[in-house]
Amino acid sequence: NGCLWVLPGSHKWKTFPHEFRKSNDEEYGGVFIEAEAKFDQSNKVPVHLEPGDILCMHSNLIHCSYRNLSMRKRRGLISAYVTSGDIHLAHVRGHQETSEVFMRDGIRCVL
C-alpha cells in the first residue's frame, strides 16, 4: 500500500513552515510544507519496510508517502524520547503553532 519516501540529509536544514490540510478524500490529508519551501526531490529514496521492521528517523527529516491504492490500512506508531527538562505542550494545537512557541520562547518542547 505504498512506502515512505525520505529526502536524505534534510533533517539538517532549517525547519520549514507547515500546516495541516484536510482533504475530502479520506486517503489524503496531513501535514504539508509551505508551497514556497521548494527543494530538489530528485534525491528522495524509498524506505521499504517488511512486517516487524522499525524505522527511527529525525522528526525534521522531510518525508512523504503517496496515495494508498490498496484496500489495506496503513498503520504506524510514533514514539518520542522526552527528557525531564522538556516542556509538554499538549495545549498547543497544530505543528506550526508548536514550532512558533518553540522558536519564540527558545524552549525544548514536545507534543
PDB file of N, CA and C in Angstrom:
ATOM      1  N   ASN A   1       0.818  -1.205   0.000  1.00  0.00           N
ATOM      2  CA  ASN A   1       0.000   0.000   0.000  1.00  0.00           C
ATOM      3  C   ASN A   1       0.861   1.269   0.000  1.00  0.00           C
ATOM      4  N   GLY A   2       2.038   1.158  -0.503  1.00  0.00           N
ATOM      5  CA  GLY A   2       2.906   2.335  -0.626  1.00  0.00           C
ATOM      6  C   GLY A   2       3.913   2.408   0.498  1.00  0.00           C
ATOM      7  N   CYS A   3       5.052   2.941   0.190  1.00  0.00           N
ATOM      8  CA  CYS A   3       6.082   3.051   1.223  1.00  0.00           C
ATOM      9  C   CYS A   3       6.356   4.516   1.531  1.00  0.00           C
ATOM     10  N   LEU A   4       7.153   4.723   2.529  1.00  0.00           N
ATOM     11  CA  LEU A   4       7.579   6.059   2.917  1.00  0.00           C
ATOM     12  C   LEU A   4       8.767   6.454   2.053  1.00  0.00           C
ATOM     13  N   TRP A   5       8.816   7.716   1.664  1.00  0.00           N
ATOM     14  CA  TRP A   5       9.945   8.273   0.924  1.00  0.00           C
ATOM     15  C   TRP A   5      10.587   9.331   1.800  1.00  0.00           C
ATOM     16  N   VAL A   6      11.904   9.398   1.793  1.00  0.00           N
ATOM     17  CA  VAL A   6      12.612  10.399   2.598  1.00  0.00           C
ATOM     18  C   VAL A   6      13.603  11.154   1.724  1.00  0.00           C
ATOM     19  N   LEU A   7      13.923  12.355   2.149  1.00  0.00           N
ATOM     20  CA  LEU A   7      14.924  13.180   1.484  1.00  0.00           C
ATOM     21  C   LEU A   7      16.157  13.187   2.381  1.00  0.00           C
ATOM     22  N   PRO A   8      17.141  12.315   2.094  1.00  0.00           N
ATOM     23  CA  PRO A   8      18.311  12.174   2.968  1.00  0.00           C
ATOM     24  C   PRO A   8      18.996  13.513   3.249  1.00  0.00           C
ATOM     25  N   GLY A   9      19.353  13.712   4.513  1.00  0.00           N
ATOM     26  CA  GLY A   9      20.066  14.920   4.928  1.00  0.00           C
ATOM     27  C   GLY A   9      19.181  16.115   5.208  1.00  0.00           C
ATOM     28  N   SER A  10      17.893  16.029   4.872  1.00  0.00           N
ATOM     29  CA  SER A  10      17.006  17.189   5.044  1.00  0.00           C
ATOM     30  C   SER A  10      16.767  17.534   6.513  1.00  0.00           C
ATOM     31  N   HIS A  11      17.051  16.622   7.424  1.00  0.00           N
ATOM     32  CA  HIS A  11      16.886  16.918   8.851  1.00  0.00           C
ATOM     33  C   HIS A  11      17.888  17.972   9.322  1.00  0.00           C
ATOM     34  N   LYS A  12      18.923  18.239   8.523  1.00  0.00           N
ATOM     35  CA  LYS A  12      19.934  19.235   8.886  1.00  0.00           C
ATOM     36  C   LYS A  12      19.565  20.632   8.386  1.00  0.00           C
ATOM     37  N   TRP A  13      18.500  20.722   7.599  1.00  0.00           N
ATOM     38  CA  TRP A  13      18.076  22.007   7.062  1.00  0.00           C
ATOM     39  C   TRP A  13      17.274  22.765   8.107  1.00  0.00           C
ATOM     40  N   LYS A  14      16.875  23.980   7.763  1.00  0.00           N
ATOM     41  CA  LYS A  14      16.017  24.757   8.663  1.00  0.00           C
ATOM     42  C   LYS A  14      14.661  24.061   8.789  1.00  0.00           C
ATOM     43  N   THR A  15      13.908  24.418   9.793  1.00  0.00           N
ATOM     44  CA  THR A  15      12.554  23.899   9.942  1.00  0.00           C
ATOM     45  C   THR A  15      11.640  24.710   9.038  1.00  0.00           C
ATOM     46  N   PHE A  16      10.950  24.036   8.136  1.00  0.00           N
ATOM     47  CA  PHE A  16      10.067  24.715   7.195  1.00  0.00           C
ATOM     48  C   PHE A  16       8.681  24.907   7.801  1.00  0.00           C
ATOM     49  N   PRO A  17       8.037  26.055   7.532  1.00  0.00           N
ATOM     50  CA  PRO A  17       6.648  26.232   7.974  1.00  0.00           C
ATOM     51  C   PRO A  17       5.780  25.149   7.326  1.00  0.00           C
ATOM     52  N   HIS A  18       4.830  24.644   8.058  1.00  0.00           N
ATOM     53  CA  HIS A  18       3.935  23.633   7.520  1.00  0.00           C
ATOM     54  C   HIS A  18       2.582  23.749   8.197  1.00  0.00           C
ATOM     55  N   GLU A  19       1.593  23.108   7.627  1.00  0.00           N
ATOM     56  CA  GLU A  19       0.242  23.205   8.163  1.00  0.00           C
ATOM     57  C   GLU A  19      -0.506  21.910   7.895  1.00  0.00           C
ATOM     58  N   PHE A  20      -1.609  21.741   8.601  1.00  0.00           N
ATOM     59  CA  PHE A  20      -2.460  20.575   8.377  1.00  0.00           C
ATOM     60  C   PHE A  20      -3.526  20.955   7.371  1.00  0.00           C
ATOM     61  N   ARG A  21      -3.667  20.147   6.347  1.00  0.00           N
ATOM     62  CA  ARG A  21      -4.713  20.376   5.355  1.00  0.00           C
ATOM     63  C   ARG A  21      -5.565  19.131   5.270  1.00  0.00           C
ATOM     64  N   LYS A  22      -6.841  19.297   5.461  1.00  0.00           N
ATOM     65  CA  LYS A  22      -7.777  18.177   5.372  1.00  0.00           C
ATOM     66  C   LYS A  22      -8.319  18.126   3.956  1.00  0.00           C
ATOM     67  N   SER A  23      -8.441  16.945   3.433  1.00  0.00           N
ATOM     68  CA  SER A  23      -8.960  16.753   2.089  1.00  0.00           C
ATOM     69  C   SER A  23     -10.305  16.041   2.172  1.00  0.00           C
ATOM     70  N   ASN A  24     -11.118  16.206   1.154  1.00  0.00           N
ATOM     71  CA  ASN A  24     -12.386  15.477   1.092  1.00  0.00           C
ATOM     72  C   ASN A  24     -12.145  13.995   0.837  1.00  0.00           C
ATOM     73  N   ASP A  25     -11.004  13.680   0.292  1.00  0.00           N
ATOM     74  CA  ASP A  25     -10.628  12.301   0.021  1.00  0.00           C
ATOM     75  C   ASP A  25      -9.981  11.738   1.284  1.00  0.00           C
ATOM     76  N   GLU A  26     -10.579  10.715   1.875  1.00  0.00           N
ATOM     77  CA  GLU A  26     -10.076  10.169   3.138  1.00  0.00           C
ATOM     78  C   GLU A  26      -8.639   9.673   3.037  1.00  0.00           C
ATOM     79  N   GLU A  27      -8.180   9.398   1.830  1.00  0.00           N
ATOM     80  CA  GLU A  27      -6.832   8.864   1.675  1.00  0.00           C
ATOM     81  C   GLU A  27      -5.791   9.966   1.568  1.00  0.00           C
ATOM     82  N   TYR A  28      -6.225  11.204   1.597  1.00  0.00           N
ATOM     83  CA  TYR A  28      -5.300  12.328   1.577  1.00  0.00           C
ATOM     84  C   TYR A  28      -5.495  13.150   2.832  1.00  0.00           C
ATOM     85  N   GLY A  29      -4.677  14.132   3.018  1.00  0.00           N
ATOM     86  CA  GLY A  29      -4.761  14.984   4.203  1.00  0.00           C
ATOM     87  C   GLY A  29      -3.552  14.724   5.070  1.00  0.00           C
ATOM     88  N   GLY A  30      -3.079  15.766   5.704  1.00  0.00           N
ATOM     89  CA  GLY A  30      -1.908  15.618   6.551  1.00  0.00           C
ATOM     90  C   GLY A  30      -1.113  16.894   6.593  1.00  0.00           C
ATOM     91  N   VAL A  31       0.097  16.789   6.996  1.00  0.00           N
ATOM     92  CA  VAL A  31       0.956  17.961   7.126  1.00  0.00           C
ATOM     93  C   VAL A  31       1.675  18.194   5.805  1.00  0.00           C
ATOM     94  N   PHE A  32       1.603  19.414   5.325  1.00  0.00           N
ATOM     95  CA  PHE A  32       2.255  19.773   4.070  1.00  0.00           C
ATOM     96  C   PHE A  32       3.194  20.936   4.310  1.00  0.00           C
ATOM     97  N   ILE A  33       4.340  20.912   3.691  1.00  0.00           N
ATOM     98  CA  ILE A  33       5.274  22.025   3.773  1.00  0.00           C
ATOM     99  C   ILE A  33       4.766  23.138   2.878  1.00  0.00           C
ATOM    100  N   GLU A  34       4.956  24.370   3.328  1.00  0.00           N
ATOM    101  CA  GLU A  34       4.512  25.538   2.583  1.00  0.00           C
ATOM    102  C   GLU A  34       4.970  25.477   1.130  1.00  0.00           C
ATOM    103  N   ALA A  35       4.138  25.960   0.222  1.00  0.00           N
ATOM    104  CA  ALA A  35       4.426  25.868  -1.212  1.00  0.00           C
ATOM    105  C   ALA A  35       5.751  26.519  -1.588  1.00  0.00           C
ATOM    106  N   GLU A  36       6.107  27.631  -0.942  1.00  0.00           N
ATOM    107  CA  GLU A  36       7.345  28.312  -1.331  1.00  0.00           C
ATOM    108  C   GLU A  36       8.598  27.594  -0.825  1.00  0.00           C
ATOM    109  N   ALA A  37       8.433  26.616   0.030  1.00  0.00           N
ATOM    110  CA  ALA A  37       9.586  25.852   0.526  1.00  0.00           C
ATOM    111  C   ALA A  37       9.859  24.723  -0.462  1.00  0.00           C
ATOM    112  N   LYS A  38      10.391  25.083  -1.606  1.00  0.00           N
ATOM    113  CA  LYS A  38      10.645  24.097  -2.652  1.00  0.00           C
ATOM    114  C   LYS A  38      12.075  23.582  -2.542  1.00  0.00           C
ATOM    115  N   PHE A  39      12.240  22.339  -2.852  1.00  0.00           N
ATOM    116  CA  PHE A  39      13.559  21.729  -2.788  1.00  0.00           C
ATOM    117  C   PHE A  39      13.637  20.634  -3.840  1.00  0.00           C
ATOM    118  N   ASP A  40      14.843  20.261  -4.185  1.00  0.00           N
ATOM    119  CA  ASP A  40      15.087  19.240  -5.189  1.00  0.00           C
ATOM    120  C   ASP A  40      14.720  17.873  -4.617  1.00  0.00           C
ATOM    121  N   GLN A  41      13.722  17.236  -5.207  1.00  0.00           N
ATOM    122  CA  GLN A  41      13.279  15.929  -4.727  1.00  0.00           C
ATOM    123  C   GLN A  41      13.904  14.774  -5.508  1.00  0.00           C
ATOM    124  N   SER A  42      14.826  15.086  -6.404  1.00  0.00           N
ATOM    125  CA  SER A  42      15.411  14.022  -7.226  1.00  0.00           C
ATOM    126  C   SER A  42      16.250  13.047  -6.391  1.00  0.00           C
ATOM    127  N   ASN A  43      16.625  13.456  -5.178  1.00  0.00           N
ATOM    128  CA  ASN A  43      17.436  12.590  -4.312  1.00  0.00           C
ATOM    129  C   ASN A  43      16.607  11.791  -3.314  1.00  0.00           C
ATOM    130  N   LYS A  44      15.280  11.908  -3.375  1.00  0.00           N
ATOM    131  CA  LYS A  44      14.471  11.173  -2.399  1.00  0.00           C
ATOM    132  C   LYS A  44      14.598   9.675  -2.633  1.00  0.00           C
ATOM    133  N   VAL A  45      14.513   8.931  -1.538  1.00  0.00           N
ATOM    134  CA  VAL A  45      14.677   7.478  -1.624  1.00  0.00           C
ATOM    135  C   VAL A  45      13.520   6.784  -0.912  1.00  0.00           C
ATOM    136  N   PRO A  46      13.098   5.627  -1.433  1.00  0.00           N
ATOM    137  CA  PRO A  46      12.035   4.878  -0.772  1.00  0.00           C
ATOM    138  C   PRO A  46      12.581   4.125   0.439  1.00  0.00           C
ATOM    139  N   VAL A  47      11.773   4.019   1.463  1.00  0.00           N
ATOM    140  CA  VAL A  47      12.136   3.241   2.652  1.00  0.00           C
ATOM    141  C   VAL A  47      11.184   2.043   2.685  1.00  0.00           C
ATOM    142  N   HIS A  48      11.662   0.922   2.195  1.00  0.00           N
ATOM    143  CA  HIS A  48      10.845  -0.291   2.147  1.00  0.00           C
ATOM    144  C   HIS A  48      10.949  -1.002   3.493  1.00  0.00           C
ATOM    145  N   LEU A  49       9.822  -1.240   4.128  1.00  0.00           N
ATOM    146  CA  LEU A  49       9.801  -1.951   5.405  1.00  0.00           C
ATOM    147  C   LEU A  49       8.990  -3.230   5.256  1.00  0.00           C
ATOM    148  N   GLU A  50       9.445  -4.246   5.905  1.00  0.00           N
ATOM    149  CA  GLU A  50       8.737  -5.522   5.951  1.00  0.00           C
ATOM    150  C   GLU A  50       8.020  -5.629   7.295  1.00  0.00           C
ATOM    151  N   PRO A  51       7.007  -6.496   7.404  1.00  0.00           N
ATOM    152  CA  PRO A  51       6.340  -6.671   8.698  1.00  0.00           C
ATOM    153  C   PRO A  51       7.362  -6.939   9.802  1.00  0.00           C
ATOM    154  N   GLY A  52       7.240  -6.216  10.888  1.00  0.00           N
ATOM    155  CA  GLY A  52       8.157  -6.359  12.014  1.00  0.00           C
ATOM    156  C   GLY A  52       9.325  -5.394  11.978  1.00  0.00           C
ATOM    157  N   ASP A  53       9.552  -4.728  10.838  1.00  0.00           N
ATOM    158  CA  ASP A  53      10.640  -3.750  10.738  1.00  0.00           C
ATOM    159  C   ASP A  53      10.279  -2.474  11.489  1.00  0.00           C
ATOM    160  N   ILE A  54      11.301  -1.713  11.852  1.00  0.00           N
ATOM    161  CA  ILE A  54      11.108  -0.446  12.544  1.00  0.00           C
ATOM    162  C   ILE A  54      11.989   0.605  11.872  1.00  0.00           C
ATOM    163  N   LEU A  55      11.500   1.813  11.804  1.00  0.00           N
ATOM    164  CA  LEU A  55      12.258   2.924  11.242  1.00  0.00           C
ATOM    165  C   LEU A  55      12.390   3.995  12.315  1.00  0.00           C
ATOM    166  N   CYS A  56      13.604   4.402  12.597  1.00  0.00           N
ATOM    167  CA  CYS A  56      13.862   5.513  13.511  1.00  0.00           C
ATOM    168  C   CYS A  56      14.395   6.659  12.670  1.00  0.00           C
ATOM    169  N   MET A  57      13.771   7.821  12.792  1.00  0.00           N
ATOM    170  CA  MET A  57      14.205   8.961  11.991  1.00  0.00           C
ATOM    171  C   MET A  57      14.021  10.251  12.770  1.00  0.00           C
ATOM    172  N   HIS A  58      14.745  11.267  12.381  1.00  0.00           N
ATOM    173  CA  HIS A  58      14.651  12.594  12.980  1.00  0.00           C
ATOM    174  C   HIS A  58      13.316  13.213  12.572  1.00  0.00           C
ATOM    175  N   SER A  59      12.668  13.922  13.472  1.00  0.00           N
ATOM    176  CA  SER A  59      11.349  14.487  13.175  1.00  0.00           C
ATOM    177  C   SER A  59      11.391  15.566  12.103  1.00  0.00           C
ATOM    178  N   ASN A  60      12.561  16.150  11.840  1.00  0.00           N
ATOM    179  CA  ASN A  60      12.662  17.161  10.785  1.00  0.00           C
ATOM    180  C   ASN A  60      13.023  16.571   9.425  1.00  0.00           C
ATOM    181  N   LEU A  61      13.205  15.262   9.348  1.00  0.00           N
ATOM    182  CA  LEU A  61      13.516  14.640   8.062  1.00  0.00           C
ATOM    183  C   LEU A  61      12.300  14.789   7.149  1.00  0.00           C
ATOM    184  N   ILE A  62      12.500  15.404   5.987  1.00  0.00           N
ATOM    185  CA  ILE A  62      11.383  15.577   5.059  1.00  0.00           C
ATOM    186  C   ILE A  62      11.015  14.208   4.510  1.00  0.00           C
ATOM    187  N   HIS A  63       9.738  13.882   4.628  1.00  0.00           N
ATOM    188  CA  HIS A  63       9.259  12.567   4.230  1.00  0.00           C
ATOM    189  C   HIS A  63       7.851  12.679   3.660  1.00  0.00           C
ATOM    190  N   CYS A  64       7.462  11.667   2.912  1.00  0.00           N
ATOM    191  CA  CYS A  64       6.114  11.653   2.340  1.00  0.00           C
ATOM    192  C   CYS A  64       5.742  10.224   1.995  1.00  0.00           C
ATOM    193  N   SER A  65       4.487  10.044   1.738  1.00  0.00           N
ATOM    194  CA  SER A  65       4.014   8.800   1.149  1.00  0.00           C
ATOM    195  C   SER A  65       2.935   9.191   0.150  1.00  0.00           C
ATOM    196  N   TYR A  66       2.686   8.318  -0.761  1.00  0.00           N
ATOM    197  CA  TYR A  66       1.699   8.605  -1.788  1.00  0.00           C
ATOM    198  C   TYR A  66       0.401   7.883  -1.474  1.00  0.00           C
ATOM    199  N   ARG A  67      -0.587   8.143  -2.266  1.00  0.00           N
ATOM    200  CA  ARG A  67      -1.915   7.590  -2.043  1.00  0.00           C
ATOM    201  C   ARG A  67      -1.864   6.072  -1.874  1.00  0.00           C
ATOM    202  N   ASN A  68      -2.604   5.604  -0.897  1.00  0.00           N
ATOM    203  CA  ASN A  68      -2.723   4.176  -0.635  1.00  0.00           C
ATOM    204  C   ASN A  68      -3.720   3.599  -1.640  1.00  0.00           C
ATOM    205  N   LEU A  69      -3.235   2.808  -2.558  1.00  0.00           N
ATOM    206  CA  LEU A  69      -4.097   2.241  -3.594  1.00  0.00           C
ATOM    207  C   LEU A  69      -4.619   0.854  -3.235  1.00  0.00           C
ATOM    208  N   SER A  70      -4.214   0.341  -2.089  1.00  0.00           N
ATOM    209  CA  SER A  70      -4.675  -0.985  -1.677  1.00  0.00           C
ATOM    210  C   SER A  70      -5.943  -0.847  -0.830  1.00  0.00           C
ATOM    211  N   MET A  71      -6.519  -1.979  -0.493  1.00  0.00           N
ATOM    212  CA  MET A  71      -7.693  -1.996   0.382  1.00  0.00           C
ATOM    213  C   MET A  71      -7.270  -2.081   1.848  1.00  0.00           C
ATOM    214  N   ARG A  72      -5.973  -2.149   2.119  1.00  0.00           N
ATOM    215  CA  ARG A  72      -5.471  -2.288   3.483  1.00  0.00           C
ATOM    216  C   ARG A  72      -5.128  -0.926   4.065  1.00  0.00           C
ATOM    217  N   LYS A  73      -5.313  -0.785   5.352  1.00  0.00           N
ATOM    218  CA  LYS A  73      -4.970   0.452   6.055  1.00  0.00           C
ATOM    219  C   LYS A  73      -3.467   0.513   6.277  1.00  0.00           C
ATOM    220  N   ARG A  74      -2.959   1.733   6.342  1.00  0.00           N
ATOM    221  CA  ARG A  74      -1.574   1.936   6.765  1.00  0.00           C
ATOM    222  C   ARG A  74      -1.586   2.108   8.267  1.00  0.00           C
ATOM    223  N   ARG A  75      -0.644   1.507   8.908  1.00  0.00           N
ATOM    224  CA  ARG A  75      -0.557   1.646  10.355  1.00  0.00           C
ATOM    225  C   ARG A  75       0.838   2.127  10.718  1.00  0.00           C
ATOM    226  N   GLY A  76       0.900   2.919  11.768  1.00  0.00           N
ATOM    227  CA  GLY A  76       2.186   3.398  12.239  1.00  0.00           C
ATOM    228  C   GLY A  76       2.106   3.716  13.716  1.00  0.00           C
ATOM    229  N   LEU A  77       3.217   3.673  14.357  1.00  0.00           N
ATOM    230  CA  LEU A  77       3.316   4.020  15.768  1.00  0.00           C
ATOM    231  C   LEU A  77       4.441   5.032  15.893  1.00  0.00           C
ATOM    232  N   ILE A  78       4.149   6.168  16.479  1.00  0.00           N
ATOM    233  CA  ILE A  78       5.151   7.215  16.644  1.00  0.00           C
ATOM    234  C   ILE A  78       5.504   7.315  18.118  1.00  0.00           C
ATOM    235  N   SER A  79       6.786   7.326  18.389  1.00  0.00           N
ATOM    236  CA  SER A  79       7.280   7.434  19.756  1.00  0.00           C
ATOM    237  C   SER A  79       8.348   8.510  19.788  1.00  0.00           C
ATOM    238  N   ALA A  80       8.440   9.217  20.898  1.00  0.00           N
ATOM    239  CA  ALA A  80       9.451  10.270  21.025  1.00  0.00           C
ATOM    240  C   ALA A  80      10.094  10.182  22.396  1.00  0.00           C
ATOM    241  N   TYR A  81      11.396  10.416  22.437  1.00  0.00           N
ATOM    242  CA  TYR A  81      12.120  10.458  23.700  1.00  0.00           C
ATOM    243  C   TYR A  81      11.930  11.838  24.312  1.00  0.00           C
ATOM    244  N   VAL A  82      11.586  11.880  25.577  1.00  0.00           N
ATOM    245  CA  VAL A  82      11.345  13.142  26.275  1.00  0.00           C
ATOM    246  C   VAL A  82      12.201  13.171  27.533  1.00  0.00           C
ATOM    247  N   THR A  83      13.071  14.175  27.627  1.00  0.00           N
ATOM    248  CA  THR A  83      13.888  14.306  28.833  1.00  0.00           C
ATOM    249  C   THR A  83      13.100  15.043  29.905  1.00  0.00           C
ATOM    250  N   SER A  84      13.554  14.995  31.134  1.00  0.00           N
ATOM    251  CA  SER A  84      12.848  15.659  32.234  1.00  0.00           C
ATOM    252  C   SER A  84      12.847  17.173  32.076  1.00  0.00           C
ATOM    253  N   GLY A  85      13.761  17.729  31.287  1.00  0.00           N
ATOM    254  CA  GLY A  85      13.815  19.174  31.086  1.00  0.00           C
ATOM    255  C   GLY A  85      12.903  19.686  29.988  1.00  0.00           C
ATOM    256  N   ASP A  86      12.257  18.780  29.257  1.00  0.00           N
ATOM    257  CA  ASP A  86      11.358  19.200  28.188  1.00  0.00           C
ATOM    258  C   ASP A  86      10.034  19.683  28.756  1.00  0.00           C
ATOM    259  N   ILE A  87       9.373  20.532  28.011  1.00  0.00           N
ATOM    260  CA  ILE A  87       8.074  21.064  28.423  1.00  0.00           C
ATOM    261  C   ILE A  87       7.002  20.438  27.545  1.00  0.00           C
ATOM    262  N   HIS A  88       5.959  19.918  28.165  1.00  0.00           N
ATOM    263  CA  HIS A  88       4.870  19.279  27.435  1.00  0.00           C
ATOM    264  C   HIS A  88       3.886  20.351  26.987  1.00  0.00           C
ATOM    265  N   LEU A  89       3.607  20.402  25.684  1.00  0.00           N
ATOM    266  CA  LEU A  89       2.724  21.430  25.138  1.00  0.00           C
ATOM    267  C   LEU A  89       1.458  20.824  24.552  1.00  0.00           C
ATOM    268  N   ALA A  90       0.784  19.993  25.297  1.00  0.00           N
ATOM    269  CA  ALA A  90      -0.432  19.354  24.801  1.00  0.00           C
ATOM    270  C   ALA A  90      -1.521  20.376  24.495  1.00  0.00           C
ATOM    271  N   HIS A  91      -1.464  21.541  25.141  1.00  0.00           N
ATOM    272  CA  HIS A  91      -2.497  22.560  24.922  1.00  0.00           C
ATOM    273  C   HIS A  91      -2.314  23.296  23.603  1.00  0.00           C
ATOM    274  N   VAL A  92      -1.171  23.142  22.958  1.00  0.00           N
ATOM    275  CA  VAL A  92      -0.906  23.828  21.696  1.00  0.00           C
ATOM    276  C   VAL A  92      -1.402  22.947  20.562  1.00  0.00           C
ATOM    277  N   ARG A  93      -2.232  23.513  19.676  1.00  0.00           N
ATOM    278  CA  ARG A  93      -2.801  22.733  18.580  1.00  0.00           C
ATOM    279  C   ARG A  93      -2.014  22.974  17.298  1.00  0.00           C
ATOM    280  N   GLY A  94      -1.654  21.933  16.640  1.00  0.00           N
ATOM    281  CA  GLY A  94      -1.024  22.044  15.330  1.00  0.00           C
ATOM    282  C   GLY A  94       0.484  22.123  15.379  1.00  0.00           C
ATOM    283  N   HIS A  95       1.096  21.552  14.374  1.00  0.00           N
ATOM    284  CA  HIS A  95       2.554  21.512  14.283  1.00  0.00           C
ATOM    285  C   HIS A  95       3.156  22.901  14.186  1.00  0.00           C
ATOM    286  N   GLN A  96       2.568  23.755  13.336  1.00  0.00           N
ATOM    287  CA  GLN A  96       3.157  25.067  13.106  1.00  0.00           C
ATOM    288  C   GLN A  96       3.130  25.906  14.376  1.00  0.00           C
ATOM    289  N   GLU A  97       2.016  25.889  15.089  1.00  0.00           N
ATOM    290  CA  GLU A  97       1.915  26.676  16.319  1.00  0.00           C
ATOM    291  C   GLU A  97       2.943  26.206  17.342  1.00  0.00           C
ATOM    292  N   THR A  98       3.145  24.915  17.435  1.00  0.00           N
ATOM    293  CA  THR A  98       4.147  24.390  18.355  1.00  0.00           C
ATOM    294  C   THR A  98       5.529  24.899  17.985  1.00  0.00           C
ATOM    295  N   SER A  99       5.844  24.888  16.695  1.00  0.00           N
ATOM    296  CA  SER A  99       7.142  25.391  16.242  1.00  0.00           C
ATOM    297  C   SER A  99       7.305  26.859  16.577  1.00  0.00           C
ATOM    298  N   GLU A 100       6.224  27.631  16.437  1.00  0.00           N
ATOM    299  CA  GLU A 100       6.294  29.058  16.743  1.00  0.00           C
ATOM    300  C   GLU A 100       6.546  29.283  18.227  1.00  0.00           C
ATOM    301  N   VAL A 101       5.906  28.511  19.088  1.00  0.00           N
ATOM    302  CA  VAL A 101       6.137  28.631  20.531  1.00  0.00           C
ATOM    303  C   VAL A 101       7.583  28.285  20.838  1.00  0.00           C
ATOM    304  N   PHE A 102       8.071  27.217  20.222  1.00  0.00           N
ATOM    305  CA  PHE A 102       9.451  26.788  20.440  1.00  0.00           C
ATOM    306  C   PHE A 102      10.433  27.884  20.034  1.00  0.00           C
ATOM    307  N   MET A 103      10.234  28.449  18.850  1.00  0.00           N
ATOM    308  CA  MET A 103      11.148  29.483  18.360  1.00  0.00           C
ATOM    309  C   MET A 103      11.060  30.749  19.212  1.00  0.00           C
ATOM    310  N   ARG A 104       9.850  31.130  19.606  1.00  0.00           N
ATOM    311  CA  ARG A 104       9.657  32.355  20.373  1.00  0.00           C
ATOM    312  C   ARG A 104      10.279  32.248  21.755  1.00  0.00           C
ATOM    313  N   ASP A 105       9.993  31.156  22.440  1.00  0.00           N
ATOM    314  CA  ASP A 105      10.426  31.021  23.826  1.00  0.00           C
ATOM    315  C   ASP A 105      11.791  30.355  23.962  1.00  0.00           C
ATOM    316  N   GLY A 106      12.309  29.795  22.875  1.00  0.00           N
ATOM    317  CA  GLY A 106      13.612  29.138  22.926  1.00  0.00           C
ATOM    318  C   GLY A 106      13.635  27.968  23.890  1.00  0.00           C
ATOM    319  N   ILE A 107      12.503  27.248  23.969  1.00  0.00           N
ATOM    320  CA  ILE A 107      12.413  26.130  24.908  1.00  0.00           C
ATOM    321  C   ILE A 107      12.426  24.811  24.150  1.00  0.00           C
ATOM    322  N   ARG A 108      12.757  23.765  24.856  1.00  0.00           N
ATOM    323  CA  ARG A 108      12.631  22.421  24.294  1.00  0.00           C
ATOM    324  C   ARG A 108      11.217  21.973  24.580  1.00  0.00           C
ATOM    325  N   CYS A 109      10.542  21.495  23.570  1.00  0.00           N
ATOM    326  CA  CYS A 109       9.150  21.121  23.794  1.00  0.00           C
ATOM    327  C   CYS A 109       8.809  19.843  23.046  1.00  0.00           C
ATOM    328  N   VAL A 110       7.758  19.197  23.512  1.00  0.00           N
ATOM    329  CA  VAL A 110       7.223  18.007  22.862  1.00  0.00           C
ATOM    330  C   VAL A 110       5.718  18.121  22.840  1.00  0.00           C
ATOM    331  N   LEU A 111       5.103  17.405  21.927  1.00  0.00           N
ATOM    332  CA  LEU A 111       3.639  17.363  21.873  1.00  0.00           C
ATOM    333  C   LEU A 111       3.130  16.262  22.751  1.00  0.00           C
TER     334      LEU A 111
END
